[in-house]
Amino acid sequence: MGFLSSLYGSVVKRNTTFLATIFVGAFATEIAFETGANSIWDSINKGRQWKDIKQRYMEASDE
């Protein structure tokens, strides 16, 4: 019970601290999820995205 009482005393007892913890946690989770999803998307679609094939078309238009 020591962990739960210390958690309650430091985070949940005051509404402002509780809300700040929720917002910071949601923001960090969103950044982590977006980074992970973008990494998975980039690895699945490697070589098929504009950032991967841009050089071919830019060099072709210069000639």
PDB file of N, CA and C in Angstrom:
ATOM      1  N   MET A   1       0.804  -1.204   0.000  1.00  0.00           N
ATOM      2  CA  MET A   1       0.000   0.000   0.000  1.00  0.00           C
ATOM      3  C   MET A   1       0.846   1.267   0.000  1.00  0.00           C
ATOM      4  N   GLY A   2       2.130   1.148   0.267  1.00  0.00           N
ATOM      5  CA  GLY A   2       2.987   2.317   0.321  1.00  0.00           C
ATOM      6  C   GLY A   2       3.090   3.023  -1.016  1.00  0.00           C
ATOM      7  N   PHE A   3       3.169   2.249  -2.079  1.00  0.00           N
ATOM      8  CA  PHE A   3       3.278   2.842  -3.413  1.00  0.00           C
ATOM      9  C   PHE A   3       2.017   3.610  -3.782  1.00  0.00           C
ATOM     10  N   LEU A   4       0.872   3.010  -3.521  1.00  0.00           N
ATOM     11  CA  LEU A   4      -0.385   3.668  -3.874  1.00  0.00           C
ATOM     12  C   LEU A   4      -0.617   4.932  -3.060  1.00  0.00           C
ATOM     13  N   SER A   5      -0.266   4.906  -1.788  1.00  0.00           N
ATOM     14  CA  SER A   5      -0.462   6.111  -0.974  1.00  0.00           C
ATOM     15  C   SER A   5       0.510   7.212  -1.387  1.00  0.00           C
ATOM     16  N   SER A   6       1.733   6.868  -1.751  1.00  0.00           N
ATOM     17  CA  SER A   6       2.667   7.896  -2.227  1.00  0.00           C
ATOM     18  C   SER A   6       2.244   8.426  -3.593  1.00  0.00           C
ATOM     19  N   LEU A   7       1.706   7.556  -4.449  1.00  0.00           N
ATOM     20  CA  LEU A   7       1.184   7.999  -5.742  1.00  0.00           C
ATOM     21  C   LEU A   7       0.014   8.952  -5.539  1.00  0.00           C
ATOM     22  N   TYR A   8      -0.876   8.601  -4.648  1.00  0.00           N
ATOM     23  CA  TYR A   8      -2.024   9.466  -4.361  1.00  0.00           C
ATOM     24  C   TYR A   8      -1.559  10.806  -3.806  1.00  0.00           C
ATOM     25  N   GLY A   9      -0.625  10.777  -2.886  1.00  0.00           N
ATOM     26  CA  GLY A   9      -0.164  12.013  -2.258  1.00  0.00           C
ATOM     27  C   GLY A   9       0.579  12.930  -3.212  1.00  0.00           C
ATOM     28  N   SER A  10       1.303  12.367  -4.183  1.00  0.00           N
ATOM     29  CA  SER A  10       2.109  13.208  -5.057  1.00  0.00           C
ATOM     30  C   SER A  10       1.417  13.577  -6.365  1.00  0.00           C
ATOM     31  N   VAL A  11       0.491  12.755  -6.848  1.00  0.00           N
ATOM     32  CA  VAL A  11      -0.088  13.005  -8.170  1.00  0.00           C
ATOM     33  C   VAL A  11      -1.588  13.255  -8.125  1.00  0.00           C
ATOM     34  N   VAL A  12      -2.332  12.416  -7.470  1.00  0.00           N
ATOM     35  CA  VAL A  12      -3.786  12.416  -7.594  1.00  0.00           C
ATOM     36  C   VAL A  12      -4.469  13.359  -6.607  1.00  0.00           C
ATOM     37  N   LYS A  13      -3.829  13.681  -5.522  1.00  0.00           N
ATOM     38  CA  LYS A  13      -4.484  14.456  -4.464  1.00  0.00           C
ATOM     39  C   LYS A  13      -4.911  15.849  -4.943  1.00  0.00           C
ATOM     40  N   ARG A  14      -4.052  16.517  -5.688  1.00  0.00           N
ATOM     41  CA  ARG A  14      -4.385  17.846  -6.202  1.00  0.00           C
ATOM     42  C   ARG A  14      -4.835  17.738  -7.653  1.00  0.00           C
ATOM     43  N   ASN A  15      -5.894  18.400  -7.980  1.00  0.00           N
ATOM     44  CA  ASN A  15      -6.472  18.321  -9.317  1.00  0.00           C
ATOM     45  C   ASN A  15      -5.517  18.867 -10.378  1.00  0.00           C
ATOM     46  N   THR A  16      -4.829  19.965 -10.080  1.00  0.00           N
ATOM     47  CA  THR A  16      -3.933  20.554 -11.074  1.00  0.00           C
ATOM     48  C   THR A  16      -2.777  19.615 -11.401  1.00  0.00           C
ATOM     49  N   THR A  17      -2.213  18.981 -10.398  1.00  0.00           N
ATOM     50  CA  THR A  17      -1.123  18.036 -10.627  1.00  0.00           C
ATOM     51  C   THR A  17      -1.620  16.819 -11.393  1.00  0.00           C
ATOM     52  N   PHE A  18      -2.803  16.363 -11.074  1.00  0.00           N
ATOM     53  CA  PHE A  18      -3.391  15.215 -11.760  1.00  0.00           C
ATOM     54  C   PHE A  18      -3.622  15.531 -13.239  1.00  0.00           C
ATOM     55  N   LEU A  19      -4.187  16.699 -13.523  1.00  0.00           N
ATOM     56  CA  LEU A  19      -4.420  17.097 -14.910  1.00  0.00           C
ATOM     57  C   LEU A  19      -3.112  17.301 -15.667  1.00  0.00           C
ATOM     58  N   ALA A  20      -2.128  17.903 -15.007  1.00  0.00           N
ATOM     59  CA  ALA A  20      -0.832  18.086 -15.658  1.00  0.00           C
ATOM     60  C   ALA A  20      -0.197  16.740 -15.991  1.00  0.00           C
ATOM     61  N   THR A  21      -0.307  15.776 -15.080  1.00  0.00           N
ATOM     62  CA  THR A  21       0.229  14.439 -15.326  1.00  0.00           C
ATOM     63  C   THR A  21      -0.478  13.779 -16.502  1.00  0.00           C
ATOM     64  N   ILE A  22      -1.782  13.939 -16.587  1.00  0.00           N
ATOM     65  CA  ILE A  22      -2.542  13.360 -17.702  1.00  0.00           C
ATOM     66  C   ILE A  22      -2.126  13.998 -19.022  1.00  0.00           C
ATOM     67  N   PHE A  23      -2.013  15.320 -19.067  1.00  0.00           N
ATOM     68  CA  PHE A  23      -1.641  15.998 -20.306  1.00  0.00           C
ATOM     69  C   PHE A  23      -0.221  15.656 -20.738  1.00  0.00           C
ATOM     70  N   VAL A  24       0.712  15.627 -19.802  1.00  0.00           N
ATOM     71  CA  VAL A  24       2.095  15.271 -20.142  1.00  0.00           C
ATOM     72  C   VAL A  24       2.171  13.825 -20.615  1.00  0.00           C
ATOM     73  N   GLY A  25       1.449  12.945 -19.948  1.00  0.00           N
ATOM     74  CA  GLY A  25       1.430  11.543 -20.363  1.00  0.00           C
ATOM     75  C   GLY A  25       0.811  11.350 -21.733  1.00  0.00           C
ATOM     76  N   ALA A  26      -0.275  12.068 -22.006  1.00  0.00           N
ATOM     77  CA  ALA A  26      -0.921  11.974 -23.322  1.00  0.00           C
ATOM     78  C   ALA A  26      -0.019  12.530 -24.411  1.00  0.00           C
ATOM     79  N   PHE A  27       0.653  13.625 -24.137  1.00  0.00           N
ATOM     80  CA  PHE A  27       1.568  14.223 -25.110  1.00  0.00           C
ATOM     81  C   PHE A  27       2.733  13.285 -25.406  1.00  0.00           C
ATOM     82  N   ALA A  28       3.319  12.705 -24.373  1.00  0.00           N
ATOM     83  CA  ALA A  28       4.439  11.776 -24.567  1.00  0.00           C
ATOM     84  C   ALA A  28       3.989  10.516 -25.301  1.00  0.00           C
ATOM     85  N   THR A  29       2.807  10.019 -24.978  1.00  0.00           N
ATOM     86  CA  THR A  29       2.283   8.836 -25.659  1.00  0.00           C
ATOM     87  C   THR A  29       2.024   9.128 -27.129  1.00  0.00           C
ATOM     88  N   GLU A  30       1.498  10.306 -27.427  1.00  0.00           N
ATOM     89  CA  GLU A  30       1.231  10.680 -28.817  1.00  0.00           C
ATOM     90  C   GLU A  30       2.518  10.771 -29.618  1.00  0.00           C
ATOM     91  N   ILE A  31       3.554  11.366 -29.036  1.00  0.00           N
ATOM     92  CA  ILE A  31       4.838  11.474 -29.728  1.00  0.00           C
ATOM     93  C   ILE A  31       5.440  10.095 -29.958  1.00  0.00           C
ATOM     94  N   ALA A  32       5.401   9.243 -28.951  1.00  0.00           N
ATOM     95  CA  ALA A  32       5.955   7.892 -29.089  1.00  0.00           C
ATOM     96  C   ALA A  32       5.182   7.083 -30.122  1.00  0.00           C
ATOM     97  N   PHE A  33       3.857   7.168 -30.109  1.00  0.00           N
ATOM     98  CA  PHE A  33       3.040   6.422 -31.067  1.00  0.00           C
ATOM     99  C   PHE A  33       3.277   6.914 -32.488  1.00  0.00           C
ATOM    100  N   GLU A  34       3.338   8.232 -32.666  1.00  0.00           N
ATOM    101  CA  GLU A  34       3.552   8.793 -33.997  1.00  0.00           C
ATOM    102  C   GLU A  34       4.926   8.425 -34.542  1.00  0.00           C
ATOM    103  N   THR A  35       5.939   8.480 -33.695  1.00  0.00           N
ATOM    104  CA  THR A  35       7.282   8.105 -34.126  1.00  0.00           C
ATOM    105  C   THR A  35       7.340   6.636 -34.511  1.00  0.00           C
ATOM    106  N   GLY A  36       6.740   5.789 -33.701  1.00  0.00           N
ATOM    107  CA  GLY A  36       6.718   4.359 -34.008  1.00  0.00           C
ATOM    108  C   GLY A  36       5.936   4.047 -35.264  1.00  0.00           C
ATOM    109  N   ALA A  37       4.776   4.672 -35.426  1.00  0.00           N
ATOM    110  CA  ALA A  37       3.955   4.434 -36.612  1.00  0.00           C
ATOM    111  C   ALA A  37       4.655   4.925 -37.874  1.00  0.00           C
ATOM    112  N   ASN A  38       5.310   6.079 -37.802  1.00  0.00           N
ATOM    113  CA  ASN A  38       6.047   6.576 -38.963  1.00  0.00           C
ATOM    114  C   ASN A  38       7.220   5.672 -39.313  1.00  0.00           C
ATOM    115  N   SER A  39       7.896   5.146 -38.319  1.00  0.00           N
ATOM    116  CA  SER A  39       9.005   4.227 -38.584  1.00  0.00           C
ATOM    117  C   SER A  39       8.520   2.952 -39.257  1.00  0.00           C
ATOM    118  N   ILE A  40       7.419   2.414 -38.776  1.00  0.00           N
ATOM    119  CA  ILE A  40       6.855   1.208 -39.391  1.00  0.00           C
ATOM    120  C   ILE A  40       6.408   1.506 -40.819  1.00  0.00           C
ATOM    121  N   TRP A  41       5.730   2.623 -41.023  1.00  0.00           N
ATOM    122  CA  TRP A  41       5.254   2.998 -42.351  1.00  0.00           C
ATOM    123  C   TRP A  41       6.426   3.172 -43.313  1.00  0.00           C
ATOM    124  N   ASP A  42       7.485   3.861 -42.861  1.00  0.00           N
ATOM    125  CA  ASP A  42       8.644   4.079 -43.718  1.00  0.00           C
ATOM    126  C   ASP A  42       9.352   2.776 -44.058  1.00  0.00           C
ATOM    127  N   SER A  43       9.422   1.849 -43.115  1.00  0.00           N
ATOM    128  CA  SER A  43      10.098   0.582 -43.404  1.00  0.00           C
ATOM    129  C   SER A  43       9.273  -0.287 -44.350  1.00  0.00           C
ATOM    130  N   ILE A  44       7.956  -0.243 -44.243  1.00  0.00           N
ATOM    131  CA  ILE A  44       7.108  -1.023 -45.148  1.00  0.00           C
ATOM    132  C   ILE A  44       7.135  -0.435 -46.558  1.00  0.00           C
ATOM    133  N   ASN A  45       7.139   0.879 -46.669  1.00  0.00           N
ATOM    134  CA  ASN A  45       7.055   1.553 -47.968  1.00  0.00           C
ATOM    135  C   ASN A  45       8.391   2.104 -48.443  1.00  0.00           C
ATOM    136  N   LYS A  46       9.480   1.504 -48.031  1.00  0.00           N
ATOM    137  CA  LYS A  46      10.799   1.983 -48.421  1.00  0.00           C
ATOM    138  C   LYS A  46      10.968   1.863 -49.935  1.00  0.00           C
ATOM    139  N   GLY A  47      11.422   2.947 -50.555  1.00  0.00           N
ATOM    140  CA  GLY A  47      11.629   2.972 -51.993  1.00  0.00           C
ATOM    141  C   GLY A  47      10.397   3.360 -52.789  1.00  0.00           C
ATOM    142  N   ARG A  48       9.277   3.561 -52.159  1.00  0.00           N
ATOM    143  CA  ARG A  48       8.038   3.910 -52.859  1.00  0.00           C
ATOM    144  C   ARG A  48       7.515   5.289 -52.486  1.00  0.00           C
ATOM    145  N   GLN A  49       8.189   5.973 -51.614  1.00  0.00           N
ATOM    146  CA  GLN A  49       7.723   7.286 -51.176  1.00  0.00           C
ATOM    147  C   GLN A  49       8.480   8.376 -51.921  1.00  0.00           C
ATOM    148  N   TRP A  50       7.884   9.555 -51.947  1.00  0.00           N
ATOM    149  CA  TRP A  50       8.478  10.669 -52.673  1.00  0.00           C
ATOM    150  C   TRP A  50       9.874  10.993 -52.153  1.00  0.00           C
ATOM    151  N   LYS A  51      10.067  10.915 -50.862  1.00  0.00           N
ATOM    152  CA  LYS A  51      11.386  11.234 -50.308  1.00  0.00           C
ATOM    153  C   LYS A  51      12.448  10.240 -50.768  1.00  0.00           C
ATOM    154  N   ASP A  52      12.040   9.030 -51.166  1.00  0.00           N
ATOM    155  CA  ASP A  52      12.989   8.026 -51.634  1.00  0.00           C
ATOM    156  C   ASP A  52      13.266   8.132 -53.131  1.00  0.00           C
ATOM    157  N   ILE A  53      12.287   8.564 -53.922  1.00  0.00           N
ATOM    158  CA  ILE A  53      12.449   8.581 -55.379  1.00  0.00           C
ATOM    159  C   ILE A  53      12.608   9.995 -55.934  1.00  0.00           C
ATOM    160  N   LYS A  54      12.658  10.971 -55.093  1.00  0.00           N
ATOM    161  CA  LYS A  54      12.738  12.368 -55.515  1.00  0.00           C
ATOM    162  C   LYS A  54      13.974  12.635 -56.373  1.00  0.00           C
ATOM    163  N   GLN A  55      15.104  12.027 -56.024  1.00  0.00           N
ATOM    164  CA  GLN A  55      16.347  12.285 -56.744  1.00  0.00           C
ATOM    165  C   GLN A  55      16.243  11.865 -58.206  1.00  0.00           C
ATOM    166  N   ARG A  56      15.572  10.766 -58.483  1.00  0.00           N
ATOM    167  CA  ARG A  56      15.441  10.292 -59.868  1.00  0.00           C
ATOM    168  C   ARG A  56      14.726  11.313 -60.738  1.00  0.00           C
ATOM    169  N   TYR A  57      13.670  11.904 -60.233  1.00  0.00           N
ATOM    170  CA  TYR A  57      12.886  12.845 -61.025  1.00  0.00           C
ATOM    171  C   TYR A  57      13.525  14.227 -61.071  1.00  0.00           C
ATOM    172  N   MET A  58      14.221  14.597 -60.034  1.00  0.00           N
ATOM    173  CA  MET A  58      14.906  15.886 -60.051  1.00  0.00           C
ATOM    174  C   MET A  58      16.081  15.851 -61.024  1.00  0.00           C
ATOM    175  N   GLU A  59      16.810  14.740 -61.077  1.00  0.00           N
ATOM    176  CA  GLU A  59      17.916  14.606 -62.024  1.00  0.00           C
ATOM    177  C   GLU A  59      17.392  14.514 -63.449  1.00  0.00           C
ATOM    178  N   ALA A  60      16.261  13.862 -63.664  1.00  0.00           N
ATOM    179  CA  ALA A  60      15.691  13.724 -65.002  1.00  0.00           C
ATOM    180  C   ALA A  60      15.201  15.069 -65.528  1.00  0.00           C
ATOM    181  N   SER A  61      14.703  15.929 -64.673  1.00  0.00           N
ATOM    182  CA  SER A  61      14.213  17.225 -65.131  1.00  0.00           C
ATOM    183  C   SER A  61      15.356  18.194 -65.420  1.00  0.00           C
ATOM    184  N   ASP A  62      16.534  17.971 -64.845  1.00  0.00           N
ATOM    185  CA  ASP A  62      17.685  18.832 -65.096  1.00  0.00           C
ATOM    186  C   ASP A  62      18.277  18.598 -66.478  1.00  0.00           C
ATOM    187  N   GLU A  63      18.103  17.418 -67.033  1.00  0.00           N
ATOM    188  CA  GLU A  63      18.723  17.081 -68.322  1.00  0.00           C
ATOM    189  C   GLU A  63      18.005  17.650 -69.495  1.00  0.00           C
TER     190      GLU A  63
END
